């Protein structure tokens, strides 16, 4: 069961078309997995329709939530979670699949470190979207952020100072948070991360090679 959701502000900004491409992919993917947020979106859509009938211009951004529902179709939250596979995208929410297919055609996963690979998605330059593939038990180096970092778990789970995050959960962190995600030993973890600036690592050696890693 999903425990960590996108904020309402983020959801409404997405519906109004105010998010960058990378963040929009993440929100749409969360909606594809989260019945609760889809319900919220539907309620906001109904409210927007009522306000439109009354002639309220403020309803325009809210009513555009209909686009969210059109985009995610009938994906829903599957009771059986498929295993991640580098050659398929069966474990991915529908909004992600086209982006991943494009990257698989260009070479797919890039090795970053032991137990960690990434796939950078082709999006607009306002923010960077990448899928991290982490082996069971992997410890991501301690880091903080320069601005907002959004992370959506696609398969598996990890824990950090903010809690436990599993399939469909979203972590919305800012530059006040320092953490070290640790992947569960039960299986590998796929996570979609969206950032607007490089991460801030404590380890000096990692900072030295960070430009080569693209993170």
C-alpha atoms as a PDB file:
ATOM      1  CA  UNK A   1       0.000   0.000   0.000  1.00  0.00           C
ATOM      2  CA  UNK A   2       1.348   3.411  -0.977  1.00  0.00           C
ATOM      3  CA  UNK A   3       2.281   5.489   2.087  1.00  0.00           C
ATOM      4  CA  UNK A   4       4.000   8.532   0.557  1.00  0.00           C
ATOM      5  CA  UNK A   5       2.105  10.595  -2.017  1.00  0.00           C
ATOM      6  CA  UNK A   6       2.765  13.631  -4.184  1.00  0.00           C
ATOM      7  CA  UNK A   7       1.742  16.886  -2.546  1.00  0.00           C
ATOM      8  CA  UNK A   8      -1.529  18.469  -3.605  1.00  0.00           C
ATOM      9  CA  UNK A   9       0.360  21.548  -4.773  1.00  0.00           C
ATOM     10  CA  UNK A  10       2.511  19.404  -7.062  1.00  0.00           C
ATOM     11  CA  UNK A  11      -0.554  17.588  -8.390  1.00  0.00           C
ATOM     12  CA  UNK A  12      -2.398  20.809  -9.199  1.00  0.00           C
ATOM     13  CA  UNK A  13       0.686  22.371 -10.776  1.00  0.00           C
ATOM     14  CA  UNK A  14       1.006  19.294 -12.981  1.00  0.00           C
ATOM     15  CA  UNK A  15      -2.659  19.498 -13.964  1.00  0.00           C
ATOM     16  CA  UNK A  16      -2.268  23.163 -14.839  1.00  0.00           C
ATOM     17  CA  UNK A  17       0.694  22.387 -17.100  1.00  0.00           C
ATOM     18  CA  UNK A  18       3.125  24.269 -14.878  1.00  0.00           C
ATOM     19  CA  UNK A  19       5.648  21.487 -14.251  1.00  0.00           C
ATOM     20  CA  UNK A  20       8.755  20.761 -16.288  1.00  0.00           C
ATOM     21  CA  UNK A  21       8.763  17.612 -18.406  1.00  0.00           C
ATOM     22  CA  UNK A  22      10.799  15.490 -15.981  1.00  0.00           C
ATOM     23  CA  UNK A  23       8.580  16.282 -12.989  1.00  0.00           C
ATOM     24  CA  UNK A  24       5.464  15.740 -15.094  1.00  0.00           C
ATOM     25  CA  UNK A  25       6.632  12.218 -15.978  1.00  0.00           C
ATOM     26  CA  UNK A  26       7.110  11.417 -12.300  1.00  0.00           C
ATOM     27  CA  UNK A  27       3.708  12.747 -11.227  1.00  0.00           C
ATOM     28  CA  UNK A  28       1.925  10.968 -14.088  1.00  0.00           C
ATOM     29  CA  UNK A  29       3.699   7.727 -13.160  1.00  0.00           C
ATOM     30  CA  UNK A  30       2.675   8.079  -9.507  1.00  0.00           C
ATOM     31  CA  UNK A  31      -0.932   8.640 -10.559  1.00  0.00           C
ATOM     32  CA  UNK A  32      -0.797   5.479 -12.648  1.00  0.00           C
ATOM     33  CA  UNK A  33       0.096   3.532  -9.492  1.00  0.00           C
ATOM     34  CA  UNK A  34      -1.920   5.373  -6.842  1.00  0.00           C
ATOM     35  CA  UNK A  35      -5.720   4.974  -6.626  1.00  0.00           C
ATOM     36  CA  UNK A  36      -5.937   7.526  -3.791  1.00  0.00           C
ATOM     37  CA  UNK A  37      -4.306  10.296  -5.822  1.00  0.00           C
ATOM     38  CA  UNK A  38      -6.395   9.406  -8.863  1.00  0.00           C
ATOM     39  CA  UNK A  39      -9.476   9.858  -6.684  1.00  0.00           C
ATOM     40  CA  UNK A  40      -8.189  13.243  -5.557  1.00  0.00           C
ATOM     41  CA  UNK A  41      -7.604  14.173  -9.180  1.00  0.00           C
ATOM     42  CA  UNK A  42     -11.123  13.106 -10.146  1.00  0.00           C
ATOM     43  CA  UNK A  43     -12.662  15.116  -7.296  1.00  0.00           C
ATOM     44  CA  UNK A  44     -10.684  18.187  -8.308  1.00  0.00           C
ATOM     45  CA  UNK A  45     -11.782  17.663 -11.902  1.00  0.00           C
ATOM     46  CA  UNK A  46     -15.438  17.597 -10.822  1.00  0.00           C
ATOM     47  CA  UNK A  47     -14.923  20.763  -8.787  1.00  0.00           C
ATOM     48  CA  UNK A  48     -13.285  22.419 -11.760  1.00  0.00           C
ATOM     49  CA  UNK A  49     -16.237  21.516 -13.978  1.00  0.00           C
ATOM     50  CA  UNK A  50     -18.695  23.027 -11.511  1.00  0.00           C
ATOM     51  CA  UNK A  51     -16.681  26.237 -11.291  1.00  0.00           C
ATOM     52  CA  UNK A  52     -16.492  26.455 -15.064  1.00  0.00           C
ATOM     53  CA  UNK A  53     -20.279  26.272 -15.278  1.00  0.00           C
ATOM     54  CA  UNK A  54     -20.486  29.145 -12.794  1.00  0.00           C
ATOM     55  CA  UNK A  55     -18.097  31.190 -14.919  1.00  0.00           C
ATOM     56  CA  UNK A  56     -15.165  31.170 -12.471  1.00  0.00           C
ATOM     57  CA  UNK A  57     -11.886  31.573 -14.449  1.00  0.00           C
ATOM     58  CA  UNK A  58      -9.904  30.044 -11.575  1.00  0.00           C
ATOM     59  CA  UNK A  59     -11.362  26.668 -12.536  1.00  0.00           C
ATOM     60  CA  UNK A  60      -9.298  26.436 -15.677  1.00  0.00           C
ATOM     61  CA  UNK A  61      -6.164  24.995 -14.077  1.00  0.00           C
ATOM     62  CA  UNK A  62      -8.103  22.577 -11.886  1.00  0.00           C
ATOM     63  CA  UNK A  63     -10.319  21.301 -14.675  1.00  0.00           C
ATOM     64  CA  UNK A  64      -7.256  20.476 -16.724  1.00  0.00           C
ATOM     65  CA  UNK A  65      -6.799  17.541 -14.335  1.00  0.00           C
ATOM     66  CA  UNK A  66      -8.899  15.695 -16.905  1.00  0.00           C
ATOM     67  CA  UNK A  67      -5.689  15.518 -18.908  1.00  0.00           C
ATOM     68  CA  UNK A  68      -4.118  13.538 -16.076  1.00  0.00           C
ATOM     69  CA  UNK A  69      -6.828  10.909 -16.225  1.00  0.00           C
ATOM     70  CA  UNK A  70      -6.654  10.724 -20.007  1.00  0.00           C
ATOM     71  CA  UNK A  71      -2.893  10.302 -19.832  1.00  0.00           C
ATOM     72  CA  UNK A  72      -2.820   7.460 -17.350  1.00  0.00           C
ATOM     73  CA  UNK A  73      -5.820   5.634 -18.795  1.00  0.00           C
ATOM     74  CA  UNK A  74      -6.753   2.523 -16.875  1.00  0.00           C
ATOM     75  CA  UNK A  75      -3.344   1.528 -15.496  1.00  0.00           C
ATOM     76  CA  UNK A  76      -4.249   1.270 -11.823  1.00  0.00           C
ATOM     77  CA  UNK A  77      -2.376  -0.361  -8.983  1.00  0.00           C
ATOM     78  CA  UNK A  78      -1.520  -3.949  -9.899  1.00  0.00           C
ATOM     79  CA  UNK A  79      -1.692  -6.574  -7.171  1.00  0.00           C
ATOM     80  CA  UNK A  80       1.162  -8.533  -8.725  1.00  0.00           C
ATOM     81  CA  UNK A  81       4.341  -6.545  -9.306  1.00  0.00           C
ATOM     82  CA  UNK A  82       6.436  -7.816 -12.245  1.00  0.00           C
ATOM     83  CA  UNK A  83      10.167  -8.210 -11.791  1.00  0.00           C
ATOM     84  CA  UNK A  84      12.332  -5.532 -13.355  1.00  0.00           C
ATOM     85  CA  UNK A  85      14.221  -6.583 -16.465  1.00  0.00           C
ATOM     86  CA  UNK A  86      16.709  -4.523 -18.467  1.00  0.00           C
ATOM     87  CA  UNK A  87      15.202  -5.802 -21.721  1.00  0.00           C
ATOM     88  CA  UNK A  88      11.570  -5.028 -20.909  1.00  0.00           C
ATOM     89  CA  UNK A  89       9.552  -2.280 -19.292  1.00  0.00           C
ATOM     90  CA  UNK A  90       6.766  -4.449 -17.876  1.00  0.00           C
ATOM     91  CA  UNK A  91       7.385  -3.114 -14.349  1.00  0.00           C
ATOM     92  CA  UNK A  92       7.047   0.514 -15.437  1.00  0.00           C
ATOM     93  CA  UNK A  93       3.962   2.750 -15.278  1.00  0.00           C
ATOM     94  CA  UNK A  94       2.573   3.582 -18.712  1.00  0.00           C
ATOM     95  CA  UNK A  95       3.762   7.241 -18.761  1.00  0.00           C
ATOM     96  CA  UNK A  96       7.389   6.070 -18.465  1.00  0.00           C
ATOM     97  CA  UNK A  97       7.468   3.365 -21.097  1.00  0.00           C
ATOM     98  CA  UNK A  98       8.043   5.460 -24.195  1.00  0.00           C
ATOM     99  CA  UNK A  99      10.952   7.293 -22.557  1.00  0.00           C
ATOM    100  CA  UNK A 100      12.556   4.032 -21.445  1.00  0.00           C
ATOM    101  CA  UNK A 101      12.130   2.415 -24.853  1.00  0.00           C
ATOM    102  CA  UNK A 102      13.956   5.378 -26.414  1.00  0.00           C
ATOM    103  CA  UNK A 103      16.882   4.970 -24.014  1.00  0.00           C
ATOM    104  CA  UNK A 104      17.052   1.192 -24.423  1.00  0.00           C
ATOM    105  CA  UNK A 105      17.425   1.771 -28.151  1.00  0.00           C
ATOM    106  CA  UNK A 106      20.400   4.058 -27.403  1.00  0.00           C
ATOM    107  CA  UNK A 107      22.219   1.682 -25.100  1.00  0.00           C
ATOM    108  CA  UNK A 108      20.154   1.544 -21.928  1.00  0.00           C
ATOM    109  CA  UNK A 109      21.814   1.304 -18.528  1.00  0.00           C
ATOM    110  CA  UNK A 110      25.061   3.000 -17.529  1.00  0.00           C
ATOM    111  CA  UNK A 111      27.242   1.608 -14.746  1.00  0.00           C
ATOM    112  CA  UNK A 112      27.840   4.094 -11.917  1.00  0.00           C
ATOM    113  CA  UNK A 113      29.236   2.000  -9.077  1.00  0.00           C
ATOM    114  CA  UNK A 114      28.977  -1.482  -7.636  1.00  0.00           C
ATOM    115  CA  UNK A 115      25.282  -2.261  -7.278  1.00  0.00           C
ATOM    116  CA  UNK A 116      24.193   0.944  -8.999  1.00  0.00           C
ATOM    117  CA  UNK A 117      23.312   1.721 -12.612  1.00  0.00           C
ATOM    118  CA  UNK A 118      21.370   4.574 -14.133  1.00  0.00           C
ATOM    119  CA  UNK A 119      19.361   5.376 -17.235  1.00  0.00           C
ATOM    120  CA  UNK A 120      19.082   9.093 -18.030  1.00  0.00           C
ATOM    121  CA  UNK A 121      15.823   9.939 -19.799  1.00  0.00           C
ATOM    122  CA  UNK A 122      15.621  12.395 -22.663  1.00  0.00           C
ATOM    123  CA  UNK A 123      13.639  15.376 -21.335  1.00  0.00           C
ATOM    124  CA  UNK A 124      13.742  19.167 -21.449  1.00  0.00           C
ATOM    125  CA  UNK A 125      16.699  20.835 -19.721  1.00  0.00           C
ATOM    126  CA  UNK A 126      14.701  22.397 -16.885  1.00  0.00           C
ATOM    127  CA  UNK A 127      15.227  19.250 -14.785  1.00  0.00           C
ATOM    128  CA  UNK A 128      16.918  15.869 -15.114  1.00  0.00           C
ATOM    129  CA  UNK A 129      15.058  12.555 -14.953  1.00  0.00           C
ATOM    130  CA  UNK A 130      16.891   9.274 -14.497  1.00  0.00           C
ATOM    131  CA  UNK A 131      16.019   5.774 -13.400  1.00  0.00           C
ATOM    132  CA  UNK A 132      18.380   4.226 -10.883  1.00  0.00           C
ATOM    133  CA  UNK A 133      18.721   0.449 -10.746  1.00  0.00           C
ATOM    134  CA  UNK A 134      20.074  -0.681  -7.388  1.00  0.00           C
ATOM    135  CA  UNK A 135      21.035  -4.186  -6.316  1.00  0.00           C
ATOM    136  CA  UNK A 136      19.699  -5.653  -3.055  1.00  0.00           C
ATOM    137  CA  UNK A 137      21.397  -4.170   0.005  1.00  0.00           C
ATOM    138  CA  UNK A 138      23.044  -1.298  -1.898  1.00  0.00           C
ATOM    139  CA  UNK A 139      23.833   1.782   0.183  1.00  0.00           C
ATOM    140  CA  UNK A 140      23.669   5.029  -1.745  1.00  0.00           C
ATOM    141  CA  UNK A 141      26.397   7.441  -0.554  1.00  0.00           C
ATOM    142  CA  UNK A 142      25.280  10.065   1.969  1.00  0.00           C
ATOM    143  CA  UNK A 143      24.163  13.214   0.176  1.00  0.00           C
ATOM    144  CA  UNK A 144      22.004  16.312   0.306  1.00  0.00           C
ATOM    145  CA  UNK A 145      20.478  18.345  -2.504  1.00  0.00           C
ATOM    146  CA  UNK A 146      20.600  21.660  -4.281  1.00  0.00           C
ATOM    147  CA  UNK A 147      16.886  22.361  -4.366  1.00  0.00           C
ATOM    148  CA  UNK A 148      14.133  19.792  -4.796  1.00  0.00           C
ATOM    149  CA  UNK A 149      14.683  16.073  -5.381  1.00  0.00           C
ATOM    150  CA  UNK A 150      11.670  13.929  -6.309  1.00  0.00           C
ATOM    151  CA  UNK A 151      11.985  10.141  -6.196  1.00  0.00           C
ATOM    152  CA  UNK A 152       9.340   7.588  -7.207  1.00  0.00           C
ATOM    153  CA  UNK A 153       9.925   3.920  -6.365  1.00  0.00           C
ATOM    154  CA  UNK A 154       9.043   1.692  -9.317  1.00  0.00           C
ATOM    155  CA  UNK A 155      10.002  -1.718  -7.928  1.00  0.00           C
ATOM    156  CA  UNK A 156      11.490  -2.963  -4.683  1.00  0.00           C
ATOM    157  CA  UNK A 157      12.020  -0.684  -1.702  1.00  0.00           C
ATOM    158  CA  UNK A 158      14.553   1.343   0.251  1.00  0.00           C
ATOM    159  CA  UNK A 159      14.759   3.015   3.634  1.00  0.00           C
ATOM    160  CA  UNK A 160      16.429   6.226   4.740  1.00  0.00           C
ATOM    161  CA  UNK A 161      16.149   8.890   7.427  1.00  0.00           C
ATOM    162  CA  UNK A 162      12.679   9.799   6.115  1.00  0.00           C
ATOM    163  CA  UNK A 163      11.139   6.319   6.297  1.00  0.00           C
ATOM    164  CA  UNK A 164      10.555   3.269   4.110  1.00  0.00           C
ATOM    165  CA  UNK A 165       9.653   3.770   0.454  1.00  0.00           C
ATOM    166  CA  UNK A 166       8.171   1.012  -1.726  1.00  0.00           C
ATOM    167  CA  UNK A 167       6.487   0.740  -5.136  1.00  0.00           C
ATOM    168  CA  UNK A 168       4.455   3.866  -5.878  1.00  0.00           C
ATOM    169  CA  UNK A 169       5.830   5.919  -2.969  1.00  0.00           C
ATOM    170  CA  UNK A 170       7.190   9.411  -3.646  1.00  0.00           C
ATOM    171  CA  UNK A 171       9.945  11.148  -1.677  1.00  0.00           C
ATOM    172  CA  UNK A 172       9.825  14.945  -2.034  1.00  0.00           C
ATOM    173  CA  UNK A 173      13.022  16.339  -0.483  1.00  0.00           C
ATOM    174  CA  UNK A 174      14.710  19.736  -0.440  1.00  0.00           C
ATOM    175  CA  UNK A 175      18.136  21.133   0.417  1.00  0.00           C
ATOM    176  CA  UNK A 176      17.466  20.813   4.148  1.00  0.00           C
ATOM    177  CA  UNK A 177      17.543  16.993   3.994  1.00  0.00           C
ATOM    178  CA  UNK A 178      20.670  14.835   4.166  1.00  0.00           C
ATOM    179  CA  UNK A 179      20.068  11.110   3.763  1.00  0.00           C
ATOM    180  CA  UNK A 180      21.467   7.724   2.783  1.00  0.00           C
ATOM    181  CA  UNK A 181      19.002   5.426   0.988  1.00  0.00           C
ATOM    182  CA  UNK A 182      19.601   1.722   1.684  1.00  0.00           C
ATOM    183  CA  UNK A 183      17.957  -0.837  -0.601  1.00  0.00           C
ATOM    184  CA  UNK A 184      16.097  -3.767   0.936  1.00  0.00           C
ATOM    185  CA  UNK A 185      17.840  -7.128   0.713  1.00  0.00           C
ATOM    186  CA  UNK A 186      14.622  -8.698  -0.601  1.00  0.00           C
ATOM    187  CA  UNK A 187      15.287  -7.622  -4.193  1.00  0.00           C
ATOM    188  CA  UNK A 188      16.610  -4.906  -6.459  1.00  0.00           C
ATOM    189  CA  UNK A 189      15.065  -1.461  -6.537  1.00  0.00           C
ATOM    190  CA  UNK A 190      14.175   0.703  -9.520  1.00  0.00           C
ATOM    191  CA  UNK A 191      13.575   4.370  -8.721  1.00  0.00           C
ATOM    192  CA  UNK A 192      12.827   7.382 -10.908  1.00  0.00           C
ATOM    193  CA  UNK A 193      14.617  10.497  -9.619  1.00  0.00           C
ATOM    194  CA  UNK A 194      14.112  14.083 -10.771  1.00  0.00           C
ATOM    195  CA  UNK A 195      16.620  16.801  -9.852  1.00  0.00           C
ATOM    196  CA  UNK A 196      17.389  20.337 -10.989  1.00  0.00           C
ATOM    197  CA  UNK A 197      21.010  20.463  -9.859  1.00  0.00           C
ATOM    198  CA  UNK A 198      23.809  18.011  -8.969  1.00  0.00           C
ATOM    199  CA  UNK A 199      23.619  16.204  -5.636  1.00  0.00           C
ATOM    200  CA  UNK A 200      25.863  17.234  -2.742  1.00  0.00           C
ATOM    201  CA  UNK A 201      27.934  14.239  -1.614  1.00  0.00           C
ATOM    202  CA  UNK A 202      29.864  14.213   1.649  1.00  0.00           C
ATOM    203  CA  UNK A 203      32.559  11.928   0.261  1.00  0.00           C
ATOM    204  CA  UNK A 204      35.336  13.969  -1.367  1.00  0.00           C
ATOM    205  CA  UNK A 205      36.302  11.175  -3.775  1.00  0.00           C
ATOM    206  CA  UNK A 206      32.748  10.985  -5.107  1.00  0.00           C
ATOM    207  CA  UNK A 207      32.644  14.756  -5.533  1.00  0.00           C
ATOM    208  CA  UNK A 208      35.814  14.534  -7.596  1.00  0.00           C
ATOM    209  CA  UNK A 209      34.347  12.097 -10.137  1.00  0.00           C
ATOM    210  CA  UNK A 210      30.788  13.425  -9.922  1.00  0.00           C
ATOM    211  CA  UNK A 211      30.942  15.322 -13.248  1.00  0.00           C
ATOM    212  CA  UNK A 212      31.857  12.068 -15.005  1.00  0.00           C
ATOM    213  CA  UNK A 213      28.924  10.251 -13.415  1.00  0.00           C
ATOM    214  CA  UNK A 214      26.410  12.917 -14.363  1.00  0.00           C
ATOM    215  CA  UNK A 215      24.795  13.037 -10.936  1.00  0.00           C
END
